[in-house]
Amino acid sequence: MKRAVQRLFDPLRGTAAVNSCSLARFFLLPLYGLLIAFPLAAQLACAQNLTFEDINKLPRPSADRRIAYGSDPSQFGDLRLPQGNGPYPVVVVIHGGCWYSEYDLNHLASFCDSLTRLGVATWSLEYRRIGSTGGGWPSTFEDVGRGADYLRVLAQTYPLDLKRVIVMGHSSGGQLALWLGARAHIPKDGSLYSPNPLYVQGIVSLAGITDLRRYSSSCGGAPRKLLGGSPEELPLRYQQTSPIELLPIGVTQVLIHGRRDQIVPADFGKDYETKARTKGDDARLTIIEDADHFELIAPHSSAWPTVVDSVSTLLKLKKTKTLN
């Protein structure tokens, strides 16, 4: 199974293509992260069609705290705090990996560290996944919801501004991020109903899987494994978890996709944006022409300024210009 998923994550890429790019793409002012000058960062700044292995080669700066929000070994999060005085706005980060246990939050360490340098706290969630004890329906969703709500407990110890919280996820984590923002609309008789979910003021979906029915046979049939069956067998589970079926959400949703993405094609973002706007939601899609699936979580790729801009806009952070 792991090899099958890896093949899905690395479809016929071979040698990464390189386009022309300037030093501005990786020598960035503090808003875009700490200035870094090491060979891999320079390579990632210009490379396209990055693989999961490329992301895994990035440095993994340690979190300030690794904190359990439950008793299961997978129920924890990594908290990173910026320099300066709080209270800090917060980005809840949810990693991807087709919901499979082979992929954990560690591959987003560099991504979260770079976000924290923008002046925001990051709370990167781990959760039970397919292949881990108790993973899948409904535990994966319950863990993500519980982990986000745990910010209320963390705010008793750390200077976190719970009035300025957004959630961001990549790939399957994008699906979970959109679901997390929609929890308030799950009916009381729904299996995933939460009486008092933490309010988030915006959502950023990076190559997010916005339609679980449409994606149900992809990634080794991961959505079917996640939910316990096909859309025909379990329509209510898909209805309660597929972001496109949870619209309207009622908060701003930013969707970022790479034009070259074959894992989650940009059409998922297009169709979601169209329906969200029809339902009255503020949904904004950006398609990055030279990006594939993993550039969106590489802090030194050409996609990074777009990711930063989404966070800055939703949290109303002070912006600075990149070097030219």
Protein backbone atom coordinates (compact mmCIF):
# COMPACT_ATOMS: atom_id res chain seq x y z
CA MET A 1 0.00 0.00 0.00
CA LYS A 2 2.73 2.46 0.89
CA ARG A 3 4.41 1.92 -2.47
CA ALA A 4 1.06 2.38 -4.23
CA VAL A 5 0.48 5.69 -2.46
CA GLN A 6 4.02 6.82 -3.21
CA ARG A 7 3.40 6.13 -6.90
CA LEU A 8 0.36 8.34 -6.69
CA PHE A 9 2.43 11.03 -4.99
CA ASP A 10 5.16 10.85 -7.63
CA PRO A 11 3.43 10.42 -10.99
CA LEU A 12 6.03 10.19 -13.76
CA ARG A 13 8.04 13.12 -12.54
CA GLY A 14 11.63 12.04 -13.14
CA THR A 15 14.00 14.99 -13.29
CA ALA A 16 12.44 18.18 -11.96
CA ALA A 17 12.05 20.91 -14.56
CA VAL A 18 13.74 24.20 -13.85
CA ASN A 19 12.57 27.61 -14.99
CA SER A 20 14.20 31.00 -14.70
CA CYS A 21 13.69 32.64 -11.30
CA SER A 22 15.22 35.46 -9.37
CA LEU A 23 16.85 35.57 -5.98
CA ALA A 24 13.69 37.26 -4.75
CA ARG A 25 11.99 33.89 -4.69
CA PHE A 26 14.07 32.65 -1.80
CA PHE A 27 15.89 35.68 -0.34
CA LEU A 28 12.79 37.20 1.18
CA LEU A 29 12.14 39.85 3.79
CA PRO A 30 11.01 38.71 7.26
CA LEU A 31 7.36 38.57 6.19
CA TYR A 32 8.19 35.67 3.96
CA GLY A 33 10.46 33.92 6.45
CA LEU A 34 14.02 33.96 7.64
CA LEU A 35 16.67 34.61 4.99
CA ILE A 36 18.10 31.25 4.06
CA ALA A 37 21.09 30.45 1.89
CA PHE A 38 21.67 26.74 1.59
CA PRO A 39 21.83 24.70 -1.64
CA LEU A 40 18.54 22.84 -1.19
CA ALA A 41 16.61 26.04 -0.64
CA ALA A 42 18.06 27.48 -3.84
CA GLN A 43 17.15 24.30 -5.69
CA LEU A 44 13.58 24.35 -4.40
CA ALA A 45 13.23 28.03 -5.28
CA CYS A 46 13.53 27.27 -8.96
CA ALA A 47 12.50 23.62 -9.24
CA GLN A 48 9.07 22.56 -10.43
CA ASN A 49 7.33 19.21 -10.00
CA LEU A 50 8.65 18.68 -6.50
CA THR A 51 8.06 15.27 -4.98
CA PHE A 52 7.17 14.27 -1.45
CA GLU A 53 10.77 13.15 -1.05
CA ASP A 54 11.93 16.68 -1.91
CA ILE A 55 9.74 18.05 0.89
CA ASN A 56 11.10 15.42 3.27
CA LYS A 57 14.64 16.67 2.61
CA LEU A 58 13.84 20.13 3.96
CA PRO A 59 15.15 21.02 7.43
CA ARG A 60 12.84 20.08 10.29
CA PRO A 61 13.10 22.80 12.93
CA SER A 62 11.77 21.62 16.27
CA ALA A 63 8.52 22.98 17.61
CA ASP A 64 8.52 25.04 20.78
CA ARG A 65 6.19 22.52 22.37
CA ARG A 66 4.73 19.13 21.38
CA ILE A 67 1.49 18.92 23.33
CA ALA A 68 -1.05 16.11 23.66
CA TYR A 69 -4.71 17.00 23.26
CA GLY A 70 -5.85 13.43 23.97
CA SER A 71 -4.62 10.09 25.28
CA ASP A 72 -3.99 8.34 21.96
CA PRO A 73 -0.38 8.50 20.69
CA SER A 74 -1.59 10.28 17.54
CA GLN A 75 -3.53 12.96 19.43
CA PHE A 76 -1.00 15.75 19.70
CA GLY A 77 0.07 18.96 18.06
CA ASP A 78 3.23 20.99 17.52
CA LEU A 79 3.00 24.54 18.81
CA ARG A 80 5.33 27.22 17.48
CA LEU A 81 5.34 30.77 18.80
CA PRO A 82 6.80 33.82 17.05
CA GLN A 83 9.15 36.34 18.60
CA GLY A 84 7.73 39.46 20.14
CA ASN A 85 4.84 40.06 22.45
CA GLY A 86 1.48 38.33 22.14
CA PRO A 87 -1.29 37.66 21.94
CA TYR A 88 -0.51 36.03 18.61
CA PRO A 89 -2.93 35.21 15.81
CA VAL A 90 -3.01 31.47 15.15
CA VAL A 91 -2.83 29.25 12.07
CA VAL A 92 -4.09 25.71 12.66
CA VAL A 93 -2.15 23.54 10.19
CA ILE A 94 -3.36 20.14 8.99
CA HIS A 95 -0.99 17.92 7.01
CA GLY A 96 -1.93 15.75 4.06
CA GLY A 97 -0.93 12.33 2.83
CA CYS A 98 -4.21 10.79 1.64
CA TRP A 99 -5.23 10.35 5.29
CA TYR A 100 -2.71 7.45 5.51
CA SER A 101 -0.68 6.82 8.66
CA GLU A 102 2.56 6.57 6.63
CA TYR A 103 2.52 10.36 6.36
CA ASP A 104 2.73 12.49 9.49
CA LEU A 105 3.05 16.12 10.49
CA ASN A 106 6.86 16.13 10.47
CA HIS A 107 7.11 16.89 6.74
CA LEU A 108 5.48 20.28 7.44
CA ALA A 109 8.05 21.35 10.05
CA SER A 110 9.84 23.76 7.71
CA PHE A 111 6.52 25.04 6.40
CA CYS A 112 5.20 25.75 9.91
CA ASP A 113 8.47 27.30 11.04
CA SER A 114 8.37 29.68 8.07
CA LEU A 115 4.77 30.61 8.80
CA THR A 116 5.68 31.34 12.41
CA ARG A 117 8.28 33.83 11.23
CA LEU A 118 5.43 35.89 9.82
CA GLY A 119 4.44 36.72 13.39
CA VAL A 120 1.75 34.06 13.86
CA ALA A 121 1.56 31.06 16.15
CA THR A 122 1.16 27.72 14.38
CA TRP A 123 -0.62 24.72 15.86
CA SER A 124 0.17 21.75 13.61
CA LEU A 125 -2.15 18.82 14.29
CA GLU A 126 -1.48 15.13 14.27
CA TYR A 127 -4.49 12.83 14.24
CA ARG A 128 -5.49 9.19 13.82
CA ARG A 129 -5.29 8.13 10.19
CA ILE A 130 -5.96 5.15 7.94
CA GLY A 131 -3.69 2.34 9.10
CA SER A 132 -3.33 3.54 12.68
CA THR A 133 -5.38 2.14 15.53
CA GLY A 134 -8.79 3.77 15.52
CA GLY A 135 -8.11 5.81 12.39
CA GLY A 136 -10.76 6.61 9.81
CA TRP A 137 -14.43 7.23 10.41
CA PRO A 138 -15.28 8.93 12.71
CA SER A 139 -12.04 9.26 14.69
CA THR A 140 -9.99 11.17 12.12
CA PHE A 141 -12.58 13.94 12.07
CA GLU A 142 -13.14 13.87 15.82
CA ASP A 143 -9.40 14.24 16.40
CA VAL A 144 -9.07 17.22 14.08
CA GLY A 145 -12.03 18.91 15.74
CA ARG A 146 -10.79 18.13 19.23
CA GLY A 147 -7.27 19.30 18.36
CA ALA A 148 -8.53 22.63 17.05
CA ASP A 149 -10.80 23.15 20.06
CA TYR A 150 -7.81 22.47 22.33
CA LEU A 151 -6.56 25.95 21.46
CA ARG A 152 -8.91 27.13 24.21
CA VAL A 153 -6.84 25.15 26.70
CA LEU A 154 -3.53 26.32 25.21
CA ALA A 155 -4.65 29.94 25.43
CA GLN A 156 -4.74 29.58 29.21
CA THR A 157 -0.95 29.13 29.17
CA TYR A 158 0.26 30.73 25.95
CA PRO A 159 -0.55 34.22 24.56
CA LEU A 160 -2.86 33.16 21.74
CA ASP A 161 -5.49 35.42 20.20
CA LEU A 162 -8.52 33.14 19.74
CA LYS A 163 -10.37 35.91 17.92
CA ARG A 164 -7.82 35.65 15.10
CA VAL A 165 -7.64 31.98 14.11
CA ILE A 166 -7.51 30.54 10.61
CA VAL A 167 -7.07 26.95 9.51
CA MET A 168 -4.82 25.78 6.68
CA GLY A 169 -4.43 22.32 5.20
CA HIS A 170 -2.66 20.65 2.29
CA SER A 171 -4.20 17.99 0.02
CA SER A 172 -6.25 15.68 2.28
CA GLY A 173 -5.43 18.18 5.01
CA GLY A 174 -7.16 20.78 2.84
CA GLN A 175 -10.30 18.66 2.96
CA LEU A 176 -10.03 18.47 6.74
CA ALA A 177 -9.42 22.21 6.98
CA LEU A 178 -12.55 23.02 5.00
CA TRP A 179 -14.52 20.47 7.03
CA LEU A 180 -13.23 22.02 10.24
CA GLY A 181 -14.49 25.43 9.19
CA ALA A 182 -17.89 23.96 8.36
CA ARG A 183 -18.45 22.07 11.61
CA ALA A 184 -20.87 24.66 12.94
CA HIS A 185 -23.31 23.70 10.17
CA ILE A 186 -23.39 19.96 10.87
CA PRO A 187 -26.91 19.10 12.10
CA LYS A 188 -27.43 18.03 15.71
CA ASP A 189 -28.40 14.53 14.65
CA GLY A 190 -25.17 14.18 12.62
CA SER A 191 -22.48 11.76 13.80
CA LEU A 192 -19.84 14.52 13.76
CA TYR A 193 -21.94 17.20 15.41
CA SER A 194 -20.02 19.41 17.86
CA PRO A 195 -22.03 21.69 20.17
CA ASN A 196 -19.45 24.46 20.50
CA PRO A 197 -16.76 24.32 17.81
CA LEU A 198 -13.93 26.85 17.86
CA TYR A 199 -14.70 29.70 15.48
CA VAL A 200 -12.23 30.26 12.65
CA GLN A 201 -12.28 33.45 10.62
CA GLY A 202 -10.93 31.94 7.44
CA ILE A 203 -9.67 28.80 5.71
CA VAL A 204 -6.76 28.23 3.33
CA SER A 205 -6.95 25.06 1.28
CA LEU A 206 -3.70 24.15 -0.48
CA ALA A 207 -4.41 21.66 -3.27
CA GLY A 208 -7.34 20.57 -1.13
CA ILE A 209 -9.56 17.59 -1.94
CA THR A 210 -12.83 19.47 -2.06
CA ASP A 211 -15.12 16.69 -3.32
CA LEU A 212 -14.84 13.29 -1.65
CA ARG A 213 -17.43 11.62 -3.89
CA ARG A 214 -15.52 12.60 -7.01
CA TYR A 215 -12.20 11.63 -5.42
CA SER A 216 -13.46 8.41 -3.82
CA SER A 217 -11.48 6.03 -6.07
CA SER A 218 -8.29 8.13 -6.08
CA CYS A 219 -5.19 7.78 -3.91
CA GLY A 220 -5.66 4.04 -3.62
CA GLY A 221 -9.33 4.48 -2.76
CA ALA A 222 -8.37 6.41 0.37
CA PRO A 223 -11.71 8.25 0.79
CA ARG A 224 -13.54 4.91 0.81
CA LYS A 225 -11.14 3.61 3.44
CA LEU A 226 -11.47 6.81 5.43
CA LEU A 227 -15.27 6.70 5.47
CA GLY A 228 -15.73 2.94 5.45
CA GLY A 229 -17.33 2.51 2.03
CA SER A 230 -18.37 4.03 -1.26
CA PRO A 231 -20.56 7.11 -1.75
CA GLU A 232 -23.40 4.82 -2.79
CA GLU A 233 -23.07 2.72 0.35
CA LEU A 234 -22.60 5.56 2.84
CA PRO A 235 -24.09 8.74 1.35
CA LEU A 236 -24.63 10.46 4.71
CA ARG A 237 -20.94 10.12 5.67
CA TYR A 238 -19.89 11.78 2.42
CA GLN A 239 -22.52 14.45 2.93
CA GLN A 240 -21.09 15.27 6.39
CA THR A 241 -17.43 15.34 5.32
CA SER A 242 -17.15 16.37 1.66
CA PRO A 243 -16.48 20.12 1.64
CA ILE A 244 -18.43 20.86 -1.52
CA GLU A 245 -21.52 19.34 0.10
CA LEU A 246 -21.14 21.41 3.28
CA LEU A 247 -21.51 24.77 1.53
CA PRO A 248 -22.18 27.48 2.45
CA ILE A 249 -19.57 27.63 5.22
CA GLY A 250 -19.96 31.31 6.06
CA VAL A 251 -16.28 32.30 6.37
CA THR A 252 -13.75 33.32 3.73
CA GLN A 253 -12.20 30.37 1.92
CA VAL A 254 -8.95 30.75 -0.02
CA LEU A 255 -8.11 27.93 -2.41
CA ILE A 256 -4.65 27.63 -3.97
CA HIS A 257 -3.89 25.02 -6.63
CA GLY A 258 -1.02 24.31 -8.97
CA ARG A 259 -1.80 24.18 -12.68
CA ARG A 260 0.50 21.16 -13.06
CA ASP A 261 -1.03 19.20 -10.18
CA GLN A 262 -2.05 15.67 -11.22
CA ILE A 263 -2.77 14.45 -7.69
CA VAL A 264 -5.52 16.98 -6.98
CA PRO A 265 -6.19 18.78 -10.26
CA ALA A 266 -7.03 22.47 -10.19
CA ASP A 267 -10.55 21.67 -11.42
CA PHE A 268 -11.38 20.63 -7.85
CA GLY A 269 -10.72 24.20 -6.78
CA LYS A 270 -12.57 25.68 -9.75
CA ASP A 271 -15.72 23.66 -9.19
CA TYR A 272 -15.68 24.34 -5.48
CA GLU A 273 -15.23 28.08 -5.96
CA THR A 274 -18.12 28.20 -8.41
CA LYS A 275 -20.52 26.38 -6.10
CA ALA A 276 -19.35 28.32 -3.02
CA ARG A 277 -20.04 31.64 -4.73
CA THR A 278 -23.40 30.39 -5.94
CA LYS A 279 -24.22 29.60 -2.30
CA GLY A 280 -23.16 33.10 -1.24
CA ASP A 281 -19.77 32.26 0.27
CA ASP A 282 -16.63 34.34 -0.14
CA ALA A 283 -14.42 31.81 -1.95
CA ARG A 284 -11.25 32.87 -3.76
CA LEU A 285 -9.27 30.58 -6.04
CA THR A 286 -5.68 31.18 -7.15
CA ILE A 287 -4.06 28.87 -9.68
CA ILE A 288 -0.27 29.02 -9.80
CA GLU A 289 0.76 28.28 -13.36
CA ASP A 290 4.20 26.80 -12.71
CA ALA A 291 3.30 24.82 -9.57
CA ASP A 292 2.55 21.16 -9.03
CA HIS A 293 1.21 19.54 -5.84
CA PHE A 294 4.08 19.97 -3.40
CA GLU A 295 5.35 23.42 -4.32
CA LEU A 296 2.50 24.76 -2.18
CA ILE A 297 4.19 23.52 1.01
CA ALA A 298 7.78 24.35 0.03
CA PRO A 299 8.66 27.65 1.77
CA HIS A 300 11.28 28.51 -0.85
CA SER A 301 9.29 27.73 -3.98
CA SER A 302 7.71 30.29 -6.28
CA ALA A 303 4.33 29.45 -4.70
CA TRP A 304 5.33 30.64 -1.24
CA PRO A 305 4.48 34.36 -1.66
CA THR A 306 0.92 33.38 -2.61
CA VAL A 307 0.61 31.25 0.51
CA VAL A 308 1.96 34.08 2.63
CA ASP A 309 -0.41 36.57 1.05
CA SER A 310 -3.39 34.39 1.92
CA VAL A 311 -2.36 34.26 5.59
CA SER A 312 -1.57 37.96 5.69
CA THR A 313 -4.91 38.88 4.14
CA LEU A 314 -7.07 36.68 6.34
CA LEU A 315 -5.29 37.70 9.55
CA LYS A 316 -4.74 41.30 8.43
CA LEU A 317 -1.01 41.13 9.02
CA LYS A 318 1.25 44.01 8.06
CA LYS A 319 2.78 43.29 4.67
CA THR A 320 6.25 44.10 3.41
CA LYS A 321 7.71 43.88 -0.07
CA THR A 322 10.07 41.25 -1.34
CA LEU A 323 13.53 42.19 -2.56
CA ASN A 324 13.82 42.65 -6.29
